[in-house]
Amino acid sequence: MKMLITGSGSGIGRAVALGAAREATLEDPALLLLVDRDVDSVAQVADEVDALGGRAVVVEYDLLLADGPAHAVSVARAEFGGLDALISNAGMVAPAPLTEMSVESFDATMALNARVTWQLGREAHDLLSASRGSIVATASISGTFPTPPLGAYSASKAALMMLIRQMALEWGPDGIRCNSVSPGPTITGLTMNAFGGGSPEQQENRRRRESMIPLRKVGSADEVANAILFLAGPRASQITGIDLAVDGGIGLILMPASGGGTGPVGKSIS
């Protein structure tokens, strides 16, 4: 599979790249364009892909630059001659209460987390149409549930989810499937300081979060990557315009958290 993966130097993007390399076959090898601003990290991922038998091409570029998305797609066009899947995974978090957030932080968050996916898809449209390929974007459950102090992040992921639905509708007749995944609490570079490390505070935060997740565990980057690879590949050939929650069931806890669902059997407890 010819795949362009943004934010591929760590976390979910890295897991997607390695998962694609592991799933590849001689008939359908993994040809991966790895896009990231951290050249050292993404180069290491490329080495891991190569060791698994895939072929990785590294693009060190800032997707927020005006020509960033077009440049990334142009490299895929030149190196692979086509594209089967676009994985728009690069993102950012700029925590701040809405009353204190700067316009610059808000705009950058919206641009990277939402606008760039549209730009990449627009630039890759002809390649994906030719292959009847797919786009999968990494959204977040924060795009469905407000998450202070991540106002810009939540808004950007909500915009991304609707953008994917719009792209699915407009580009479906061209043979392009467009979907997103919404991770819940997941161990990545962005969350390591919150609940992924070994300090007592981080461990306690992790235990507290896991106590509220029906499956009682924080997710891994590999678990999210598995969902992305499913939606990107032929097994999901009749699926488009959806957002797949990969959250351990945390989206189910609204009523229990508000006191609903705790009454005796047979009695109304709404």
Protein backbone atom coordinates (compact mmCIF):
# COMPACT_ATOMS: atom_id res chain seq x y z
CA MET A 1 0.00 0.00 0.00
CA LYS A 2 1.23 3.46 -0.91
CA MET A 3 0.54 5.58 2.14
CA LEU A 4 1.27 9.14 3.26
CA ILE A 5 1.35 9.48 7.06
CA THR A 6 1.69 12.82 8.82
CA GLY A 7 2.93 13.14 12.38
CA SER A 8 4.71 9.85 11.84
CA GLY A 9 7.74 10.45 14.04
CA SER A 10 6.08 9.19 17.23
CA GLY A 11 2.89 8.01 18.87
CA ILE A 12 -0.05 7.03 16.70
CA GLY A 13 1.67 8.00 13.44
CA ARG A 14 4.65 5.79 14.21
CA ALA A 15 2.33 2.93 15.18
CA VAL A 16 0.46 3.27 11.87
CA ALA A 17 3.72 3.16 9.90
CA LEU A 18 5.01 0.07 11.70
CA GLY A 19 1.61 -1.61 11.52
CA ALA A 20 1.43 -1.01 7.77
CA ALA A 21 4.90 -2.46 7.33
CA ARG A 22 3.97 -5.57 9.32
CA GLU A 23 0.77 -6.11 7.34
CA ALA A 24 2.46 -5.73 3.95
CA THR A 25 2.91 -8.63 1.55
CA LEU A 26 5.13 -9.29 -1.44
CA GLU A 27 2.15 -8.55 -3.69
CA ASP A 28 1.26 -5.37 -1.78
CA PRO A 29 4.41 -3.92 -0.20
CA ALA A 30 4.40 -0.99 2.22
CA LEU A 31 5.54 2.20 0.48
CA LEU A 32 5.32 4.87 3.14
CA LEU A 33 5.87 8.61 2.98
CA LEU A 34 6.60 9.71 6.54
CA VAL A 35 5.99 13.41 7.20
CA ASP A 36 7.14 15.08 10.41
CA ARG A 37 8.97 18.17 11.63
CA ASP A 38 11.23 16.13 13.92
CA VAL A 39 13.75 14.73 11.47
CA ASP A 40 15.58 12.58 14.02
CA SER A 41 12.44 10.83 15.25
CA VAL A 42 10.96 10.25 11.81
CA ALA A 43 14.29 8.98 10.47
CA GLN A 44 14.34 6.39 13.24
CA VAL A 45 10.80 5.29 12.31
CA ALA A 46 11.91 5.00 8.68
CA ASP A 47 14.72 2.67 9.76
CA GLU A 48 12.21 0.54 11.66
CA VAL A 49 9.95 0.36 8.60
CA ASP A 50 12.87 -0.65 6.41
CA ALA A 51 13.86 -3.36 8.90
CA LEU A 52 10.34 -4.79 8.61
CA GLY A 53 10.69 -5.02 4.84
CA GLY A 54 8.89 -1.85 3.86
CA ARG A 55 10.18 1.22 2.08
CA ALA A 56 10.02 4.57 3.86
CA VAL A 57 10.67 8.02 2.42
CA VAL A 58 11.10 10.84 4.94
CA VAL A 59 9.76 14.35 4.44
CA GLU A 60 10.86 16.88 7.06
CA TYR A 61 8.42 19.74 6.58
CA ASP A 62 6.10 22.04 8.48
CA LEU A 63 2.56 21.40 7.28
CA LEU A 64 1.48 24.83 8.51
CA LEU A 65 3.58 26.46 5.81
CA ALA A 66 1.51 27.59 2.84
CA ASP A 67 3.08 24.99 0.56
CA GLY A 68 3.45 22.25 3.19
CA PRO A 69 0.60 19.91 2.17
CA ALA A 70 1.27 20.36 -1.55
CA HIS A 71 4.96 19.62 -1.01
CA ALA A 72 4.24 16.41 0.89
CA VAL A 73 1.87 15.12 -1.78
CA SER A 74 4.28 16.08 -4.56
CA VAL A 75 6.96 13.88 -2.99
CA ALA A 76 4.52 10.95 -2.82
CA ARG A 77 3.67 11.52 -6.47
CA ALA A 78 7.33 11.56 -7.48
CA GLU A 79 8.48 8.66 -5.30
CA PHE A 80 5.54 6.26 -5.59
CA GLY A 81 3.67 7.39 -8.69
CA GLY A 82 0.40 7.20 -6.80
CA LEU A 83 -1.25 6.98 -3.40
CA ASP A 84 -3.64 4.49 -1.82
CA ALA A 85 -4.16 6.10 1.57
CA LEU A 86 -3.65 9.44 3.28
CA ILE A 87 -3.35 9.28 7.06
CA SER A 88 -3.73 12.80 8.45
CA ASN A 89 -2.46 12.36 11.98
CA ALA A 90 -0.33 15.44 12.78
CA GLY A 91 -1.85 17.58 15.50
CA MET A 92 -1.15 19.94 18.34
CA VAL A 93 -2.51 20.90 21.75
CA ALA A 94 -2.33 24.43 23.17
CA PRO A 95 -3.91 24.23 26.65
CA ALA A 96 -5.42 27.48 27.92
CA PRO A 97 -8.75 28.71 29.24
CA LEU A 98 -10.71 30.45 26.50
CA THR A 99 -10.41 33.76 28.33
CA GLU A 100 -6.62 33.53 28.21
CA MET A 101 -5.96 31.87 24.86
CA SER A 102 -4.13 33.87 22.22
CA VAL A 103 -5.46 34.28 18.70
CA GLU A 104 -2.19 32.86 17.40
CA SER A 105 -2.57 29.64 19.42
CA PHE A 106 -6.20 29.25 18.43
CA ASP A 107 -5.48 29.77 14.73
CA ALA A 108 -2.48 27.41 14.70
CA THR A 109 -4.47 24.67 16.45
CA MET A 110 -7.40 24.99 14.06
CA ALA A 111 -5.07 25.04 11.07
CA LEU A 112 -3.00 21.96 11.89
CA ASN A 113 -5.80 19.90 13.41
CA ALA A 114 -8.42 20.62 10.74
CA ARG A 115 -7.45 22.74 7.74
CA VAL A 116 -4.35 20.75 6.82
CA THR A 117 -6.43 17.57 6.33
CA TRP A 118 -8.51 19.34 3.69
CA GLN A 119 -5.39 20.73 2.00
CA LEU A 120 -3.73 17.31 1.90
CA GLY A 121 -6.89 15.71 0.57
CA ARG A 122 -7.33 18.37 -2.09
CA GLU A 123 -3.74 17.97 -3.29
CA ALA A 124 -3.99 14.16 -3.29
CA HIS A 125 -7.48 14.00 -4.78
CA ASP A 126 -6.44 12.83 -8.23
CA LEU A 127 -4.10 10.16 -6.85
CA LEU A 128 -6.69 8.81 -4.41
CA SER A 129 -9.43 8.89 -7.02
CA ALA A 130 -7.26 6.88 -9.42
CA SER A 131 -6.62 4.20 -6.78
CA ARG A 132 -10.10 4.38 -5.20
CA GLY A 133 -8.19 5.11 -2.05
CA SER A 134 -8.98 6.48 1.37
CA ILE A 135 -8.36 9.27 3.85
CA VAL A 136 -8.28 8.62 7.59
CA ALA A 137 -7.84 11.51 10.03
CA THR A 138 -7.05 11.32 13.73
CA ALA A 139 -9.75 13.20 15.58
CA SER A 140 -10.47 12.88 19.34
CA ILE A 141 -13.32 12.29 21.75
CA SER A 142 -12.61 15.91 22.73
CA GLY A 143 -14.24 16.78 19.42
CA THR A 144 -17.51 15.42 20.84
CA PHE A 145 -17.13 16.29 24.51
CA PRO A 146 -15.91 19.75 25.66
CA THR A 147 -12.56 19.34 27.41
CA PRO A 148 -11.32 22.31 29.47
CA PRO A 149 -8.75 23.79 29.18
CA LEU A 150 -8.50 22.49 25.59
CA GLY A 151 -11.06 24.77 23.98
CA ALA A 152 -9.18 25.26 20.72
CA TYR A 153 -8.28 21.57 20.53
CA SER A 154 -11.88 20.44 21.08
CA ALA A 155 -13.18 22.92 18.52
CA SER A 156 -10.56 21.89 15.98
CA LYS A 157 -11.33 18.18 16.33
CA ALA A 158 -15.07 18.84 16.03
CA ALA A 159 -14.35 20.78 12.85
CA LEU A 160 -12.17 17.93 11.58
CA MET A 161 -14.93 15.38 12.12
CA MET A 162 -17.42 17.45 10.13
CA LEU A 163 -14.81 18.16 7.46
CA ILE A 164 -14.29 14.41 7.01
CA ARG A 165 -18.03 13.90 6.59
CA GLN A 166 -18.14 16.70 4.04
CA MET A 167 -15.21 15.22 2.13
CA ALA A 168 -16.83 11.78 2.24
CA LEU A 169 -20.00 13.18 0.67
CA GLU A 170 -18.32 15.30 -1.97
CA TRP A 171 -15.56 12.87 -2.91
CA GLY A 172 -17.44 9.59 -2.60
CA PRO A 173 -18.51 9.71 -6.28
CA ASP A 174 -14.80 9.98 -7.12
CA GLY A 175 -14.13 6.69 -5.32
CA ILE A 176 -12.48 8.22 -2.24
CA ARG A 177 -13.49 7.03 1.23
CA CYS A 178 -13.02 9.49 4.11
CA ASN A 179 -13.20 8.51 7.79
CA SER A 180 -11.80 9.50 11.16
CA VAL A 181 -10.95 7.84 14.45
CA SER A 182 -11.45 9.42 17.85
CA PRO A 183 -9.04 8.12 20.47
CA GLY A 184 -9.89 8.42 24.14
CA PRO A 185 -7.12 8.59 26.75
CA THR A 186 -4.13 7.08 24.93
CA ILE A 187 -0.44 6.87 25.74
CA THR A 188 1.40 9.08 23.23
CA GLY A 189 4.07 11.74 23.36
CA LEU A 190 1.37 14.37 23.89
CA THR A 191 -0.05 12.59 26.94
CA MET A 192 3.12 11.19 28.47
CA ASN A 193 3.47 14.04 30.97
CA ALA A 194 -0.15 13.74 32.03
CA PHE A 195 -0.53 10.01 32.67
CA GLY A 196 2.08 8.09 30.70
CA GLY A 197 5.12 8.40 32.91
CA GLY A 198 6.26 6.77 36.10
CA SER A 199 6.01 9.58 38.63
CA PRO A 200 3.53 9.13 41.51
CA GLU A 201 1.41 11.98 40.19
CA GLN A 202 1.27 10.53 36.68
CA GLN A 203 0.49 7.05 37.96
CA GLU A 204 -2.30 8.37 40.17
CA ASN A 205 -3.73 10.35 37.26
CA ARG A 206 -3.67 7.21 35.15
CA ARG A 207 -5.43 5.14 37.84
CA ARG A 208 -8.10 7.83 38.19
CA ARG A 209 -8.70 7.93 34.44
CA GLU A 210 -8.78 4.15 34.13
CA SER A 211 -11.38 3.95 36.91
CA MET A 212 -13.75 5.95 34.68
CA ILE A 213 -13.16 3.92 31.49
CA PRO A 214 -15.49 0.91 31.12
CA LEU A 215 -12.62 -1.29 29.90
CA ARG A 216 -10.54 0.01 32.83
CA LYS A 217 -7.44 0.76 30.81
CA VAL A 218 -5.83 3.64 28.96
CA GLY A 219 -5.38 2.92 25.28
CA SER A 220 -2.18 2.37 23.36
CA ALA A 221 -1.01 3.92 20.12
CA ASP A 222 -1.09 0.45 18.52
CA GLU A 223 -4.79 0.05 19.33
CA VAL A 224 -5.62 3.33 17.59
CA ALA A 225 -3.35 2.43 14.68
CA ASN A 226 -5.21 -0.86 14.20
CA ALA A 227 -8.45 1.06 13.73
CA ILE A 228 -6.82 3.50 11.31
CA LEU A 229 -5.33 0.70 9.22
CA PHE A 230 -8.68 -1.07 9.08
CA LEU A 231 -10.47 2.05 7.82
CA ALA A 232 -7.66 2.79 5.36
CA GLY A 233 -7.64 -0.66 3.81
CA PRO A 234 -9.85 -2.84 1.61
CA ARG A 235 -11.67 -4.49 4.52
CA ALA A 236 -13.50 -1.19 5.03
CA SER A 237 -14.35 -0.79 1.34
CA GLN A 238 -18.00 0.12 2.03
CA ILE A 239 -17.36 2.43 4.98
CA THR A 240 -17.14 6.19 4.56
CA GLY A 241 -18.10 9.29 6.50
CA ILE A 242 -17.83 7.75 9.96
CA ASP A 243 -15.95 8.61 13.12
CA LEU A 244 -14.82 5.49 14.97
CA ALA A 245 -14.33 5.95 18.72
CA VAL A 246 -11.32 4.06 20.06
CA ASP A 247 -11.88 5.07 23.66
CA GLY A 248 -12.42 1.99 25.81
CA GLY A 249 -16.07 2.99 26.13
CA ILE A 250 -15.46 6.26 27.97
CA GLY A 251 -18.10 7.94 25.81
CA LEU A 252 -20.72 5.79 27.58
CA ILE A 253 -20.26 7.19 31.08
CA LEU A 254 -22.38 10.38 30.94
CA MET A 255 -25.43 8.96 32.74
CA PRO A 256 -23.49 7.04 35.41
CA ALA A 257 -21.30 10.10 36.02
CA SER A 258 -24.39 12.27 36.49
CA GLY A 259 -26.02 9.80 38.88
CA GLY A 260 -28.25 8.07 36.35
CA GLY A 261 -28.48 4.29 36.18
CA THR A 262 -27.96 3.65 39.90
CA GLY A 263 -31.55 3.00 41.04
CA PRO A 264 -33.15 -0.37 41.84
CA VAL A 265 -34.02 -2.72 38.98
CA GLY A 266 -37.36 -1.99 37.36
CA LYS A 267 -37.62 1.65 38.45
CA SER A 268 -37.27 4.66 36.21
CA ILE A 269 -34.00 6.46 36.90
CA SER A 270 -33.66 9.00 34.11
